[in-house]
Amino acid sequence: MPDAKPPATPSAAPPGAAPPPMTIEALNDSIAKSVQQGIAQGLSQVRQQEQQQAQARAAQEAAGKADPLRDALAPYVDPKVNQAILGSATAMDFARFYIAHPEAVKHQQKIEARFAQQMQGGNPLPREQVFNMLRGENFDEFMAERTADQQAAAARAAAAGTVGAGSGPHGVTYEDPFAMTHEALDAALSRPGVTF
């Protein structure tokens, strides 16, 4: 007997062969076991997380109560710290607002008075919101101011489009040199600052 093969067992499937067919009852049992195992694993994970969270809360509470000096000083120190935080926030708001809205500088007294009133009332608002409130309350005044600013800008643009653009009116009048007499030309050339 050169190569004797062991007898095949009826329960073992040859390698590469398909598994034996399952009955519906066996499939239902298999699914039910898988679902039960998944639920059990999920519940155990939830319980572990709850225990870890409870331990973390207990540690935080213990750490917070472990400092009697902090508890004793907190009523005195915390209001000052909060006041310093509020002061720095209002200073930042002041700087950012007036940089972003240079047109509001003209109304700074009104804005700051309303801002201080809101702060004292316990309802601090950003200066931009205070400015918008003032603009809404005094709409006609702000529109008249805006119209005047636009007219002034148009006048500056018109002046920049003439001779001597960009220099603006300085009271200097320009005369046509071809229409001047010899004496007027000599007088114009003898002015200080005129050189050739």
Protein backbone atom coordinates (compact mmCIF):
# COMPACT_ATOMS: atom_id res chain seq x y z
CA MET A 1 0.00 0.00 0.00
CA PRO A 2 1.88 2.89 -1.22
CA ASP A 3 -0.44 5.82 -0.45
CA ALA A 4 -3.44 4.97 1.59
CA LYS A 5 -6.00 7.68 2.04
CA PRO A 6 -7.95 7.85 5.26
CA PRO A 7 -11.64 7.28 4.85
CA ALA A 8 -13.69 10.47 4.46
CA THR A 9 -15.99 11.36 7.30
CA PRO A 10 -19.52 12.19 6.31
CA SER A 11 -19.58 15.53 8.30
CA ALA A 12 -16.40 16.96 6.79
CA ALA A 13 -16.86 18.73 3.48
CA PRO A 14 -14.07 18.53 0.98
CA PRO A 15 -12.02 21.75 0.66
CA GLY A 16 -13.56 24.21 -1.81
CA ALA A 17 -16.96 22.55 -1.64
CA ALA A 18 -20.08 24.48 -0.71
CA PRO A 19 -21.37 24.11 2.88
CA PRO A 20 -24.36 21.86 3.36
CA PRO A 21 -27.73 23.58 2.90
CA MET A 22 -29.36 25.03 6.04
CA THR A 23 -32.92 24.68 6.97
CA ILE A 24 -35.04 27.75 7.69
CA GLU A 25 -35.17 26.86 11.39
CA ALA A 26 -31.38 26.62 11.58
CA LEU A 27 -31.03 29.96 9.75
CA ASN A 28 -33.52 31.63 12.13
CA ASP A 29 -31.63 30.22 15.12
CA SER A 30 -28.31 31.45 13.72
CA ILE A 31 -29.70 34.96 13.11
CA ALA A 32 -31.32 35.09 16.54
CA LYS A 33 -28.03 34.07 18.22
CA SER A 34 -26.09 36.70 16.24
CA VAL A 35 -28.59 39.43 17.15
CA GLN A 36 -28.58 38.41 20.81
CA GLN A 37 -24.80 38.41 20.89
CA GLY A 38 -24.69 41.86 19.23
CA ILE A 39 -27.22 43.28 21.70
CA ALA A 40 -25.31 41.80 24.63
CA GLN A 41 -22.03 43.28 23.37
CA GLY A 42 -23.64 46.69 22.79
CA LEU A 43 -25.18 46.69 26.28
CA SER A 44 -21.88 45.76 27.88
CA GLN A 45 -20.13 48.59 26.01
CA VAL A 46 -22.79 51.08 27.10
CA ARG A 47 -22.47 49.93 30.72
CA GLN A 48 -18.69 50.28 30.56
CA GLN A 49 -19.00 53.81 29.14
CA GLU A 50 -21.52 54.77 31.84
CA GLN A 51 -19.19 53.46 34.52
CA GLN A 52 -16.24 55.38 33.05
CA GLN A 53 -18.29 58.59 32.85
CA ALA A 54 -19.51 58.16 36.42
CA GLN A 55 -15.93 57.64 37.60
CA ALA A 56 -14.79 60.73 35.67
CA ARG A 57 -17.62 62.85 37.18
CA ALA A 58 -16.77 61.60 40.66
CA ALA A 59 -13.11 62.47 40.11
CA GLN A 60 -14.01 65.97 38.88
CA GLU A 61 -16.31 66.55 41.84
CA ALA A 62 -13.64 65.33 44.21
CA ALA A 63 -11.05 67.56 42.57
CA GLY A 64 -13.38 70.57 42.71
CA LYS A 65 -14.20 70.04 46.39
CA ALA A 66 -10.65 69.21 47.34
CA ASP A 67 -9.57 72.88 47.29
CA PRO A 68 -11.11 74.73 50.24
CA LEU A 69 -8.93 77.79 49.61
CA ARG A 70 -10.36 78.19 46.10
CA ASP A 71 -13.86 77.80 47.46
CA ALA A 72 -13.16 80.44 50.09
CA LEU A 73 -11.63 82.95 47.66
CA ALA A 74 -13.94 82.41 44.69
CA PRO A 75 -16.68 84.83 45.84
CA TYR A 76 -14.07 87.60 46.07
CA VAL A 77 -11.88 86.79 43.08
CA ASP A 78 -14.40 85.61 40.48
CA PRO A 79 -16.26 88.95 40.15
CA LYS A 80 -12.97 90.79 39.60
CA VAL A 81 -11.85 88.24 37.01
CA ASN A 82 -15.20 88.49 35.22
CA GLN A 83 -14.96 92.29 35.31
CA ALA A 84 -11.46 92.15 33.78
CA ILE A 85 -12.69 89.79 31.04
CA LEU A 86 -15.62 92.10 30.29
CA GLY A 87 -13.31 95.13 30.25
CA SER A 88 -10.95 93.53 27.75
CA ALA A 89 -13.86 92.43 25.58
CA THR A 90 -15.31 95.96 25.50
CA ALA A 91 -11.88 97.41 24.66
CA MET A 92 -11.56 94.97 21.75
CA ASP A 93 -15.07 95.86 20.60
CA PHE A 94 -14.19 99.58 20.77
CA ALA A 95 -11.07 99.15 18.64
CA ARG A 96 -12.66 96.88 16.06
CA PHE A 97 -15.82 98.96 15.72
CA TYR A 98 -14.20 102.34 15.12
CA ILE A 99 -11.67 100.85 12.69
CA ALA A 100 -14.41 99.12 10.71
CA HIS A 101 -16.79 102.13 10.84
CA PRO A 102 -14.84 105.40 10.54
CA GLU A 103 -18.09 107.22 9.76
CA ALA A 104 -19.21 106.49 13.34
CA VAL A 105 -16.43 108.56 14.91
CA LYS A 106 -18.61 111.68 14.48
CA HIS A 107 -21.23 110.04 16.69
CA GLN A 108 -18.83 108.54 19.22
CA GLN A 109 -20.28 110.41 22.23
CA LYS A 110 -23.82 109.22 21.51
CA ILE A 111 -22.65 105.66 20.85
CA GLU A 112 -20.56 105.47 24.00
CA ALA A 113 -23.33 106.97 26.13
CA ARG A 114 -25.83 104.40 24.87
CA PHE A 115 -23.24 101.63 25.25
CA ALA A 116 -22.59 102.61 28.88
CA GLN A 117 -26.35 102.78 29.53
CA GLN A 118 -26.77 99.25 28.15
CA MET A 119 -23.82 97.99 30.25
CA GLN A 120 -25.25 99.47 33.44
CA GLY A 121 -28.61 97.93 32.64
CA GLY A 122 -26.98 94.51 32.48
CA ASN A 123 -27.55 94.14 28.73
CA PRO A 124 -24.20 94.81 27.04
CA LEU A 125 -24.53 95.10 23.28
CA PRO A 126 -21.77 95.36 20.68
CA ARG A 127 -21.14 98.93 19.54
CA GLU A 128 -22.16 98.04 16.01
CA GLN A 129 -25.60 97.07 17.25
CA VAL A 130 -25.81 100.29 19.32
CA PHE A 131 -24.84 102.31 16.23
CA ASN A 132 -27.50 100.57 14.16
CA MET A 133 -30.08 101.37 16.84
CA LEU A 134 -29.08 105.04 16.78
CA ARG A 135 -29.26 105.13 13.00
CA GLY A 136 -32.74 103.66 13.11
CA GLU A 137 -33.93 106.12 15.75
CA ASN A 138 -32.45 109.15 13.92
CA PHE A 139 -32.91 107.98 10.35
CA ASP A 140 -33.59 111.43 8.82
CA GLU A 141 -30.52 112.96 10.48
CA PHE A 142 -28.25 110.17 9.29
CA MET A 143 -29.66 110.31 5.75
CA ALA A 144 -29.10 114.10 5.59
CA GLU A 145 -25.53 113.58 6.80
CA ARG A 146 -24.94 110.86 4.23
CA THR A 147 -26.32 113.06 1.44
CA ALA A 148 -24.03 115.93 2.52
CA ASP A 149 -21.03 113.57 2.55
CA GLN A 150 -21.88 112.33 -0.95
CA GLN A 151 -22.22 115.90 -2.25
CA ALA A 152 -18.86 116.84 -0.71
CA ALA A 153 -17.26 113.78 -2.30
CA ALA A 154 -18.75 114.74 -5.67
CA ALA A 155 -17.36 118.27 -5.30
CA ARG A 156 -13.91 116.90 -4.48
CA ALA A 157 -14.09 114.60 -7.52
CA ALA A 158 -15.10 117.53 -9.74
CA ALA A 159 -12.19 119.62 -8.42
CA ALA A 160 -9.77 116.76 -9.04
CA GLY A 161 -10.83 116.60 -12.68
CA THR A 162 -9.67 120.16 -13.51
CA VAL A 163 -6.20 121.65 -14.07
CA GLY A 164 -3.94 120.81 -11.18
CA ALA A 165 -5.74 117.59 -10.53
CA GLY A 166 -5.46 116.28 -7.03
CA SER A 167 -4.08 119.47 -5.54
CA GLY A 168 -7.45 121.00 -4.81
CA PRO A 169 -8.27 124.71 -4.81
CA HIS A 170 -5.57 126.79 -3.08
CA GLY A 171 -6.61 130.24 -4.25
CA VAL A 172 -4.22 130.08 -7.20
CA THR A 173 -5.54 131.36 -10.48
CA TYR A 174 -4.03 130.31 -13.75
CA GLU A 175 -3.60 132.80 -16.57
CA ASP A 176 -2.95 132.15 -20.20
CA PRO A 177 0.71 133.21 -20.80
CA PHE A 178 -0.03 133.99 -24.45
CA ALA A 179 -2.61 136.56 -23.41
CA MET A 180 -0.27 138.28 -20.86
CA THR A 181 1.75 141.42 -21.49
CA HIS A 182 5.57 141.45 -21.25
CA GLU A 183 5.43 143.25 -17.91
CA ALA A 184 2.98 140.66 -16.48
CA LEU A 185 5.22 137.82 -17.69
CA ASP A 186 8.30 139.44 -16.06
CA ALA A 187 6.37 139.89 -12.80
CA ALA A 188 5.23 136.29 -12.85
CA LEU A 189 8.75 135.03 -13.48
CA SER A 190 10.25 137.21 -10.72
CA ARG A 191 8.08 135.60 -8.00
CA PRO A 192 9.99 133.64 -5.36
CA GLY A 193 10.19 129.94 -6.06
CA VAL A 194 10.07 130.31 -9.85
CA THR A 195 13.37 129.20 -11.32
CA PHE A 196 14.65 128.19 -14.73
